[in-house]
Amino acid sequence: HPFKASRTYTPEAAPLSALVAASLADRIMIVQASIEDGPANLIDNLRDARAQHPDKLFRGTVFADPEPGRGLDALSAGDFAMLHDLGVRSIRIHGSYGGNGANASWVQEQFRRAAALDGVATHGWSVSAQLPLAMWAAIGEFLQHDAALAGVAVVADHNGSATPEDVGSAEFAAFLRLLEAQTVHVKVGALHRRSPEDIARMKAVVEGFAASGPGMMVWGSDWPHVDTTQGPEVVSPPLVVDTPAELRAIRSWVSDEQWQRLLVENPARLFDV
């Protein structure tokens, strides 16, 4: 399956077999990347995963591509039913690659459009988004009170884009209030992307999440750890990431109960497993 011509980076191939070999879990979420040209690759991988690995459970996240002619609006009720049967349980909005995550009006419109799709409206999928921390703070009232999002589970990808420098800021405090109010879930992980020099500096960020929303955290490995910095012309090898070290760090920052909720109970509820 080809990448989009408009992609901003080109990673090496990441086959299903490599994902399964790298996974530390038996319940695996496959996310359609923003550079993929439609959901065909996700569909094939979910089908192959079910056939080849019946001992594991797979879920999928489909990308809400904002480029004209590439969105999910054209999918029929039957298409969404097929995706649901294959294991898709979430729609992803990307405010960085191909999106306009610094524009509150654009972000709100993407959430409304995603919530109206049959995957969310009929099948109860969540809506995840990668947005700047300041944007999460700015749209908090919208997420809590807009009628279009009533009952919709929202997930902030990549730690809500919070960095060690954000701890103590008004934006970080606003994000923690969204967790406390159970308005937003947060996907913890890929700590190296928020603190490249030392993931231990993310301790206060993760502790803030755990204290404010222990029932709102899930973990994501960010595999295959793509390098997004080299541009589309270069086929970039993946970053070298020590995932077990990240998990050991997170484990040391949270309680036994918070750990169980992060890795087992919360994702089971959120992704229908």
C-alpha atoms as a PDB file:
ATOM      1  CA  HIS A   1       0.000   0.000   0.000  1.00  0.00           C
ATOM      2  CA  PRO A   2       1.550   3.334  -1.045  1.00  0.00           C
ATOM      3  CA  PHE A   3       2.150   6.316   1.187  1.00  0.00           C
ATOM      4  CA  LYS A   4       0.516   9.640   0.375  1.00  0.00           C
ATOM      5  CA  ALA A   5       2.403  11.854  -2.051  1.00  0.00           C
ATOM      6  CA  SER A   6       1.843  14.724   0.391  1.00  0.00           C
ATOM      7  CA  ARG A   7       3.510  12.922   3.317  1.00  0.00           C
ATOM      8  CA  THR A   8       6.049  14.742   5.463  1.00  0.00           C
ATOM      9  CA  TYR A   9       8.292  11.738   6.190  1.00  0.00           C
ATOM     10  CA  THR A  10       8.962   8.259   4.803  1.00  0.00           C
ATOM     11  CA  PRO A  11       9.616   5.458   7.302  1.00  0.00           C
ATOM     12  CA  GLU A  12      10.967   2.002   6.662  1.00  0.00           C
ATOM     13  CA  ALA A  13       8.387  -0.750   6.247  1.00  0.00           C
ATOM     14  CA  ALA A  14       6.913  -1.980   9.525  1.00  0.00           C
ATOM     15  CA  PRO A  15       5.266  -5.370   8.866  1.00  0.00           C
ATOM     16  CA  LEU A  16       2.735  -7.026  11.125  1.00  0.00           C
ATOM     17  CA  SER A  17       5.216  -9.752  12.057  1.00  0.00           C
ATOM     18  CA  ALA A  18       7.631  -7.145  13.419  1.00  0.00           C
ATOM     19  CA  LEU A  19       4.865  -5.486  15.430  1.00  0.00           C
ATOM     20  CA  VAL A  20       3.867  -8.753  17.068  1.00  0.00           C
ATOM     21  CA  ALA A  21       7.504  -9.605  17.801  1.00  0.00           C
ATOM     22  CA  ALA A  22       8.093  -6.199  19.386  1.00  0.00           C
ATOM     23  CA  SER A  23       4.870  -6.074  21.379  1.00  0.00           C
ATOM     24  CA  LEU A  24       5.010  -6.649  25.116  1.00  0.00           C
ATOM     25  CA  ALA A  25       1.245  -7.210  25.245  1.00  0.00           C
ATOM     26  CA  ASP A  26      -1.265  -9.708  23.872  1.00  0.00           C
ATOM     27  CA  ARG A  27      -3.827  -6.982  23.158  1.00  0.00           C
ATOM     28  CA  ILE A  28      -2.510  -4.722  20.424  1.00  0.00           C
ATOM     29  CA  MET A  29      -3.773  -1.478  18.896  1.00  0.00           C
ATOM     30  CA  ILE A  30      -2.798  -0.792  15.260  1.00  0.00           C
ATOM     31  CA  VAL A  31      -3.024   2.891  14.335  1.00  0.00           C
ATOM     32  CA  GLN A  32      -3.308   4.133  10.758  1.00  0.00           C
ATOM     33  CA  ALA A  33      -0.514   6.668  10.299  1.00  0.00           C
ATOM     34  CA  SER A  34      -1.161  10.114   8.867  1.00  0.00           C
ATOM     35  CA  ILE A  35       1.149   9.334   5.925  1.00  0.00           C
ATOM     36  CA  GLU A  36      -0.864   6.311   4.776  1.00  0.00           C
ATOM     37  CA  ASP A  37      -3.034   6.703   1.689  1.00  0.00           C
ATOM     38  CA  GLY A  38      -6.308   5.589   3.220  1.00  0.00           C
ATOM     39  CA  PRO A  39      -7.235   2.755   5.590  1.00  0.00           C
ATOM     40  CA  ALA A  40      -6.525  -0.159   3.213  1.00  0.00           C
ATOM     41  CA  ASN A  41      -3.305  -1.118   4.991  1.00  0.00           C
ATOM     42  CA  LEU A  42      -5.002  -1.023   8.391  1.00  0.00           C
ATOM     43  CA  ILE A  43      -7.811  -3.218   7.074  1.00  0.00           C
ATOM     44  CA  ASP A  44      -5.408  -5.789   5.637  1.00  0.00           C
ATOM     45  CA  ASN A  45      -3.311  -5.856   8.799  1.00  0.00           C
ATOM     46  CA  LEU A  46      -6.337  -6.383  11.030  1.00  0.00           C
ATOM     47  CA  ARG A  47      -7.538  -9.227   8.816  1.00  0.00           C
ATOM     48  CA  ASP A  48      -4.099 -10.830   8.723  1.00  0.00           C
ATOM     49  CA  ALA A  49      -3.631 -10.349  12.454  1.00  0.00           C
ATOM     50  CA  ARG A  50      -6.854 -12.168  13.249  1.00  0.00           C
ATOM     51  CA  ALA A  51      -5.941 -15.052  10.940  1.00  0.00           C
ATOM     52  CA  GLN A  52      -2.277 -15.373  11.884  1.00  0.00           C
ATOM     53  CA  HIS A  53      -2.434 -14.662  15.616  1.00  0.00           C
ATOM     54  CA  PRO A  54      -5.675 -16.073  17.038  1.00  0.00           C
ATOM     55  CA  ASP A  55      -4.090 -16.079  20.507  1.00  0.00           C
ATOM     56  CA  LYS A  56      -3.934 -12.276  20.522  1.00  0.00           C
ATOM     57  CA  LEU A  57      -6.576  -9.566  20.324  1.00  0.00           C
ATOM     58  CA  PHE A  58      -6.186  -6.675  17.912  1.00  0.00           C
ATOM     59  CA  ARG A  59      -7.875  -3.304  17.735  1.00  0.00           C
ATOM     60  CA  GLY A  60      -7.517  -0.509  15.190  1.00  0.00           C
ATOM     61  CA  THR A  61      -7.567   3.279  14.972  1.00  0.00           C
ATOM     62  CA  VAL A  62      -8.493   4.872  11.650  1.00  0.00           C
ATOM     63  CA  PHE A  63      -7.146   8.284  10.641  1.00  0.00           C
ATOM     64  CA  ALA A  64      -9.550  11.144   9.881  1.00  0.00           C
ATOM     65  CA  ASP A  65      -7.555  12.620   7.017  1.00  0.00           C
ATOM     66  CA  PRO A  66      -8.349  16.339   6.628  1.00  0.00           C
ATOM     67  CA  GLU A  67      -7.114  16.523   3.023  1.00  0.00           C
ATOM     68  CA  PRO A  68      -9.926  17.076   0.487  1.00  0.00           C
ATOM     69  CA  GLY A  69     -11.280  13.806  -0.854  1.00  0.00           C
ATOM     70  CA  ARG A  70      -9.484  11.688   1.742  1.00  0.00           C
ATOM     71  CA  GLY A  71     -11.810  11.971   4.725  1.00  0.00           C
ATOM     72  CA  LEU A  72     -14.039   9.352   6.303  1.00  0.00           C
ATOM     73  CA  ASP A  73     -17.246  11.160   5.345  1.00  0.00           C
ATOM     74  CA  ALA A  74     -17.616   9.102   2.173  1.00  0.00           C
ATOM     75  CA  LEU A  75     -17.746   5.796   4.063  1.00  0.00           C
ATOM     76  CA  SER A  76     -21.127   4.100   4.269  1.00  0.00           C
ATOM     77  CA  ALA A  77     -22.791   2.566   7.302  1.00  0.00           C
ATOM     78  CA  GLY A  78     -21.724  -0.791   5.894  1.00  0.00           C
ATOM     79  CA  ASP A  79     -18.111   0.366   5.674  1.00  0.00           C
ATOM     80  CA  PHE A  80     -18.121   1.402   9.313  1.00  0.00           C
ATOM     81  CA  ALA A  81     -19.762  -1.880  10.317  1.00  0.00           C
ATOM     82  CA  MET A  82     -17.002  -3.748   8.476  1.00  0.00           C
ATOM     83  CA  LEU A  83     -14.309  -1.704  10.223  1.00  0.00           C
ATOM     84  CA  HIS A  84     -15.960  -2.319  13.583  1.00  0.00           C
ATOM     85  CA  ASP A  85     -16.097  -6.054  12.932  1.00  0.00           C
ATOM     86  CA  LEU A  86     -12.386  -6.028  12.123  1.00  0.00           C
ATOM     87  CA  GLY A  87     -11.645  -4.328  15.436  1.00  0.00           C
ATOM     88  CA  VAL A  88     -11.530  -0.598  14.752  1.00  0.00           C
ATOM     89  CA  ARG A  89     -12.527   1.274  17.901  1.00  0.00           C
ATOM     90  CA  SER A  90     -11.202   4.801  17.442  1.00  0.00           C
ATOM     91  CA  ILE A  91     -10.913   7.679  14.972  1.00  0.00           C
ATOM     92  CA  ARG A  92      -7.772   9.794  15.101  1.00  0.00           C
ATOM     93  CA  ILE A  93      -7.440  13.510  14.419  1.00  0.00           C
ATOM     94  CA  HIS A  94      -3.903  14.742  13.760  1.00  0.00           C
ATOM     95  CA  GLY A  95      -3.215  18.404  14.342  1.00  0.00           C
ATOM     96  CA  SER A  96       0.452  18.282  13.356  1.00  0.00           C
ATOM     97  CA  TYR A  97       0.819  16.369  10.095  1.00  0.00           C
ATOM     98  CA  GLY A  98      -1.682  17.605   7.533  1.00  0.00           C
ATOM     99  CA  GLY A  99      -3.804  19.333  10.141  1.00  0.00           C
ATOM    100  CA  ASN A 100      -4.116  22.759  11.723  1.00  0.00           C
ATOM    101  CA  GLY A 101      -3.846  21.937  15.395  1.00  0.00           C
ATOM    102  CA  ALA A 102      -3.101  25.525  16.391  1.00  0.00           C
ATOM    103  CA  ASN A 103      -6.484  26.735  15.111  1.00  0.00           C
ATOM    104  CA  ALA A 104      -9.273  26.185  17.639  1.00  0.00           C
ATOM    105  CA  SER A 105     -12.044  26.525  15.061  1.00  0.00           C
ATOM    106  CA  TRP A 106     -10.434  23.887  12.849  1.00  0.00           C
ATOM    107  CA  VAL A 107      -9.917  21.541  15.794  1.00  0.00           C
ATOM    108  CA  GLN A 108     -13.493  21.891  17.003  1.00  0.00           C
ATOM    109  CA  GLU A 109     -14.836  21.223  13.515  1.00  0.00           C
ATOM    110  CA  GLN A 110     -12.727  18.049  13.266  1.00  0.00           C
ATOM    111  CA  PHE A 111     -14.134  16.792  16.556  1.00  0.00           C
ATOM    112  CA  ARG A 112     -17.703  17.527  15.479  1.00  0.00           C
ATOM    113  CA  ARG A 113     -17.192  15.795  12.129  1.00  0.00           C
ATOM    114  CA  ALA A 114     -15.628  12.749  13.771  1.00  0.00           C
ATOM    115  CA  ALA A 115     -18.410  12.515  16.358  1.00  0.00           C
ATOM    116  CA  ALA A 116     -21.043  12.544  13.610  1.00  0.00           C
ATOM    117  CA  LEU A 117     -19.488   9.610  11.761  1.00  0.00           C
ATOM    118  CA  ASP A 118     -21.162   6.236  12.075  1.00  0.00           C
ATOM    119  CA  GLY A 119     -18.159   4.726  13.837  1.00  0.00           C
ATOM    120  CA  VAL A 120     -18.691   7.035  16.802  1.00  0.00           C
ATOM    121  CA  ALA A 121     -22.430   7.713  16.592  1.00  0.00           C
ATOM    122  CA  THR A 122     -23.487   4.078  16.058  1.00  0.00           C
ATOM    123  CA  HIS A 123     -20.605   1.914  17.239  1.00  0.00           C
ATOM    124  CA  GLY A 124     -19.370   4.022  20.136  1.00  0.00           C
ATOM    125  CA  TRP A 125     -15.784   4.522  19.016  1.00  0.00           C
ATOM    126  CA  SER A 126     -13.533   6.999  20.760  1.00  0.00           C
ATOM    127  CA  VAL A 127     -11.979  10.042  19.098  1.00  0.00           C
ATOM    128  CA  SER A 128      -8.265  10.568  19.685  1.00  0.00           C
ATOM    129  CA  ALA A 129      -6.221  13.594  18.720  1.00  0.00           C
ATOM    130  CA  GLN A 130      -2.646  14.804  18.714  1.00  0.00           C
ATOM    131  CA  LEU A 131      -2.747  18.495  19.588  1.00  0.00           C
ATOM    132  CA  PRO A 132      -0.548  21.040  21.369  1.00  0.00           C
ATOM    133  CA  LEU A 133      -1.040  21.213  25.125  1.00  0.00           C
ATOM    134  CA  ALA A 134      -2.202  24.818  24.802  1.00  0.00           C
ATOM    135  CA  MET A 135      -4.946  23.696  22.420  1.00  0.00           C
ATOM    136  CA  TRP A 136      -6.215  21.059  24.846  1.00  0.00           C
ATOM    137  CA  ALA A 137      -6.440  23.804  27.457  1.00  0.00           C
ATOM    138  CA  ALA A 138      -8.166  26.169  25.028  1.00  0.00           C
ATOM    139  CA  ILE A 139     -10.882  23.716  23.967  1.00  0.00           C
ATOM    140  CA  GLY A 140     -11.653  22.347  27.410  1.00  0.00           C
ATOM    141  CA  GLU A 141     -15.024  24.084  27.684  1.00  0.00           C
ATOM    142  CA  PHE A 142     -15.927  22.925  24.183  1.00  0.00           C
ATOM    143  CA  LEU A 143     -15.086  19.309  24.990  1.00  0.00           C
ATOM    144  CA  GLN A 144     -17.114  19.420  28.181  1.00  0.00           C
ATOM    145  CA  HIS A 145     -20.212  21.188  26.922  1.00  0.00           C
ATOM    146  CA  ASP A 146     -20.624  20.883  23.141  1.00  0.00           C
ATOM    147  CA  ALA A 147     -23.705  18.782  22.418  1.00  0.00           C
ATOM    148  CA  ALA A 148     -22.019  17.032  19.493  1.00  0.00           C
ATOM    149  CA  LEU A 149     -19.529  15.410  21.877  1.00  0.00           C
ATOM    150  CA  ALA A 150     -21.973  14.279  24.538  1.00  0.00           C
ATOM    151  CA  GLY A 151     -21.044  10.746  25.517  1.00  0.00           C
ATOM    152  CA  VAL A 152     -18.009  10.614  23.197  1.00  0.00           C
ATOM    153  CA  ALA A 153     -14.759   9.319  24.700  1.00  0.00           C
ATOM    154  CA  VAL A 154     -11.891  11.660  23.795  1.00  0.00           C
ATOM    155  CA  VAL A 155      -8.224  10.629  23.968  1.00  0.00           C
ATOM    156  CA  ALA A 156      -5.272  13.035  24.048  1.00  0.00           C
ATOM    157  CA  ASP A 157      -2.406  11.325  22.241  1.00  0.00           C
ATOM    158  CA  HIS A 158       1.268  11.620  23.134  1.00  0.00           C
ATOM    159  CA  ASN A 159       0.865  12.757  26.740  1.00  0.00           C
ATOM    160  CA  GLY A 160      -1.278  15.671  25.643  1.00  0.00           C
ATOM    161  CA  SER A 161       1.986  17.043  24.185  1.00  0.00           C
ATOM    162  CA  ALA A 162       3.030  17.999  27.733  1.00  0.00           C
ATOM    163  CA  THR A 163       6.756  18.406  28.398  1.00  0.00           C
ATOM    164  CA  PRO A 164       8.686  18.720  31.674  1.00  0.00           C
ATOM    165  CA  GLU A 165       8.768  22.473  31.151  1.00  0.00           C
ATOM    166  CA  ASP A 166       4.954  22.586  31.170  1.00  0.00           C
ATOM    167  CA  VAL A 167       4.624  21.339  34.743  1.00  0.00           C
ATOM    168  CA  GLY A 168       3.212  24.141  36.866  1.00  0.00           C
ATOM    169  CA  SER A 169       1.865  26.064  33.881  1.00  0.00           C
ATOM    170  CA  ALA A 170      -1.733  27.193  33.462  1.00  0.00           C
ATOM    171  CA  GLU A 171      -2.078  24.984  30.379  1.00  0.00           C
ATOM    172  CA  PHE A 172      -0.911  21.864  32.217  1.00  0.00           C
ATOM    173  CA  ALA A 173      -3.228  22.627  35.131  1.00  0.00           C
ATOM    174  CA  ALA A 174      -6.132  23.018  32.701  1.00  0.00           C
ATOM    175  CA  PHE A 175      -5.300  19.668  31.109  1.00  0.00           C
ATOM    176  CA  LEU A 176      -5.203  17.964  34.500  1.00  0.00           C
ATOM    177  CA  ARG A 177      -8.657  19.388  35.236  1.00  0.00           C
ATOM    178  CA  LEU A 178      -9.938  17.720  32.059  1.00  0.00           C
ATOM    179  CA  LEU A 179      -8.600  14.396  33.335  1.00  0.00           C
ATOM    180  CA  GLU A 180     -10.107  14.975  36.769  1.00  0.00           C
ATOM    181  CA  ALA A 181     -13.480  15.797  35.219  1.00  0.00           C
ATOM    182  CA  GLN A 182     -13.232  12.607  33.120  1.00  0.00           C
ATOM    183  CA  THR A 183     -13.608  14.708  29.979  1.00  0.00           C
ATOM    184  CA  VAL A 184     -10.407  13.490  28.322  1.00  0.00           C
ATOM    185  CA  HIS A 185      -8.302  10.338  28.452  1.00  0.00           C
ATOM    186  CA  VAL A 186      -4.548  10.614  27.980  1.00  0.00           C
ATOM    187  CA  LYS A 187      -2.277   8.231  26.123  1.00  0.00           C
ATOM    188  CA  VAL A 188       0.956   7.958  28.093  1.00  0.00           C
ATOM    189  CA  GLY A 189       4.123   6.854  26.320  1.00  0.00           C
ATOM    190  CA  ALA A 190       6.810   7.833  23.826  1.00  0.00           C
ATOM    191  CA  LEU A 191       8.329   9.856  26.639  1.00  0.00           C
ATOM    192  CA  HIS A 192      11.462  10.412  24.561  1.00  0.00           C
ATOM    193  CA  ARG A 193       9.486  12.617  22.176  1.00  0.00           C
ATOM    194  CA  ARG A 194       8.648  15.044  25.008  1.00  0.00           C
ATOM    195  CA  SER A 195      11.973  14.797  26.844  1.00  0.00           C
ATOM    196  CA  PRO A 196      14.626  13.594  24.373  1.00  0.00           C
ATOM    197  CA  GLU A 197      17.594  13.989  26.694  1.00  0.00           C
ATOM    198  CA  ASP A 198      16.183  12.129  29.694  1.00  0.00           C
ATOM    199  CA  ILE A 199      12.791  10.448  30.015  1.00  0.00           C
ATOM    200  CA  ALA A 200      13.103  10.633  33.811  1.00  0.00           C
ATOM    201  CA  ARG A 201      12.272  14.331  33.485  1.00  0.00           C
ATOM    202  CA  MET A 202       8.722  13.257  32.539  1.00  0.00           C
ATOM    203  CA  LYS A 203       8.139  11.970  36.069  1.00  0.00           C
ATOM    204  CA  ALA A 204       6.131  14.985  37.242  1.00  0.00           C
ATOM    205  CA  VAL A 205       4.040  14.924  34.063  1.00  0.00           C
ATOM    206  CA  VAL A 206       3.058  11.279  34.501  1.00  0.00           C
ATOM    207  CA  GLU A 207       2.510  11.694  38.235  1.00  0.00           C
ATOM    208  CA  GLY A 208       0.179  14.582  37.471  1.00  0.00           C
ATOM    209  CA  PHE A 209      -1.826  12.398  35.111  1.00  0.00           C
ATOM    210  CA  ALA A 210      -2.005   9.556  37.632  1.00  0.00           C
ATOM    211  CA  ALA A 211      -3.126  11.803  40.474  1.00  0.00           C
ATOM    212  CA  SER A 212      -5.745  13.657  38.442  1.00  0.00           C
ATOM    213  CA  GLY A 213      -7.135  10.892  36.251  1.00  0.00           C
ATOM    214  CA  PRO A 214      -6.086   7.366  37.218  1.00  0.00           C
ATOM    215  CA  GLY A 215      -9.083   6.026  35.322  1.00  0.00           C
ATOM    216  CA  MET A 216      -8.298   8.092  32.241  1.00  0.00           C
ATOM    217  CA  MET A 217      -4.800   6.868  31.336  1.00  0.00           C
ATOM    218  CA  VAL A 218      -3.783   4.304  28.725  1.00  0.00           C
ATOM    219  CA  TRP A 219      -0.290   3.425  27.532  1.00  0.00           C
ATOM    220  CA  GLY A 220       0.965   3.360  23.951  1.00  0.00           C
ATOM    221  CA  SER A 221       4.341   2.068  22.780  1.00  0.00           C
ATOM    222  CA  ASP A 222       4.541   4.395  19.737  1.00  0.00           C
ATOM    223  CA  TRP A 223       6.016   1.481  17.761  1.00  0.00           C
ATOM    224  CA  PRO A 224       7.619   1.547  15.152  1.00  0.00           C
ATOM    225  CA  HIS A 225       9.223   4.723  16.555  1.00  0.00           C
ATOM    226  CA  VAL A 226       9.353   6.557  13.250  1.00  0.00           C
ATOM    227  CA  ASP A 227      11.787   9.397  12.600  1.00  0.00           C
ATOM    228  CA  THR A 228       9.640  12.279  11.355  1.00  0.00           C
ATOM    229  CA  THR A 229      12.512  14.740  10.912  1.00  0.00           C
ATOM    230  CA  GLN A 230      14.154  13.643   7.659  1.00  0.00           C
ATOM    231  CA  GLY A 231      11.521  14.722   5.144  1.00  0.00           C
ATOM    232  CA  PRO A 232       9.675  12.643   2.546  1.00  0.00           C
ATOM    233  CA  GLU A 233      12.618  12.025   0.206  1.00  0.00           C
ATOM    234  CA  VAL A 234      14.647   9.962   2.692  1.00  0.00           C
ATOM    235  CA  VAL A 235      13.567   6.501   3.852  1.00  0.00           C
ATOM    236  CA  SER A 236      14.328   6.876   7.538  1.00  0.00           C
ATOM    237  CA  PRO A 237      15.171   3.982   9.862  1.00  0.00           C
ATOM    238  CA  PRO A 238      13.279   3.928  13.150  1.00  0.00           C
ATOM    239  CA  LEU A 239      14.551   5.639  16.259  1.00  0.00           C
ATOM    240  CA  VAL A 240      16.270   3.458  18.839  1.00  0.00           C
ATOM    241  CA  VAL A 241      13.887   3.380  21.796  1.00  0.00           C
ATOM    242  CA  ASP A 242      14.154   1.315  24.986  1.00  0.00           C
ATOM    243  CA  THR A 243      10.487   0.532  25.601  1.00  0.00           C
ATOM    244  CA  PRO A 244      11.096  -1.740  28.622  1.00  0.00           C
ATOM    245  CA  ALA A 245      13.067   1.094  30.255  1.00  0.00           C
ATOM    246  CA  GLU A 246      10.160   3.463  29.658  1.00  0.00           C
ATOM    247  CA  LEU A 247       7.744   1.026  31.258  1.00  0.00           C
ATOM    248  CA  ARG A 248      10.044   0.519  34.242  1.00  0.00           C
ATOM    249  CA  ALA A 249      10.192   4.277  34.724  1.00  0.00           C
ATOM    250  CA  ILE A 250       6.422   4.689  34.539  1.00  0.00           C
ATOM    251  CA  ARG A 251       5.950   1.741  36.904  1.00  0.00           C
ATOM    252  CA  SER A 252       8.142   3.464  39.486  1.00  0.00           C
ATOM    253  CA  TRP A 253       6.063   6.666  39.281  1.00  0.00           C
ATOM    254  CA  VAL A 254       2.587   5.184  39.825  1.00  0.00           C
ATOM    255  CA  SER A 255       0.908   3.036  42.446  1.00  0.00           C
ATOM    256  CA  ASP A 256      -0.017  -0.616  41.987  1.00  0.00           C
ATOM    257  CA  GLU A 257      -3.645   0.332  41.393  1.00  0.00           C
ATOM    258  CA  GLN A 258      -2.744   3.076  38.905  1.00  0.00           C
ATOM    259  CA  TRP A 259      -0.460   0.669  37.020  1.00  0.00           C
ATOM    260  CA  GLN A 260      -3.217  -1.924  36.729  1.00  0.00           C
ATOM    261  CA  ARG A 261      -5.656   0.680  35.454  1.00  0.00           C
ATOM    262  CA  LEU A 262      -3.141   2.151  32.994  1.00  0.00           C
ATOM    263  CA  LEU A 263      -2.243  -1.131  31.300  1.00  0.00           C
ATOM    264  CA  VAL A 264      -5.311  -3.328  31.815  1.00  0.00           C
ATOM    265  CA  GLU A 265      -8.572  -1.850  33.044  1.00  0.00           C
ATOM    266  CA  ASN A 266      -8.668   1.507  31.251  1.00  0.00           C
ATOM    267  CA  PRO A 267      -7.746   0.267  27.753  1.00  0.00           C
ATOM    268  CA  ALA A 268     -10.098  -2.709  28.130  1.00  0.00           C
ATOM    269  CA  ARG A 269     -12.987  -0.335  28.792  1.00  0.00           C
ATOM    270  CA  LEU A 270     -11.982   2.311  26.244  1.00  0.00           C
ATOM    271  CA  PHE A 271     -11.289  -0.065  23.361  1.00  0.00           C
ATOM    272  CA  ASP A 272     -13.932  -2.712  24.073  1.00  0.00           C
ATOM    273  CA  VAL A 273     -11.691  -5.645  24.872  1.00  0.00           C
END
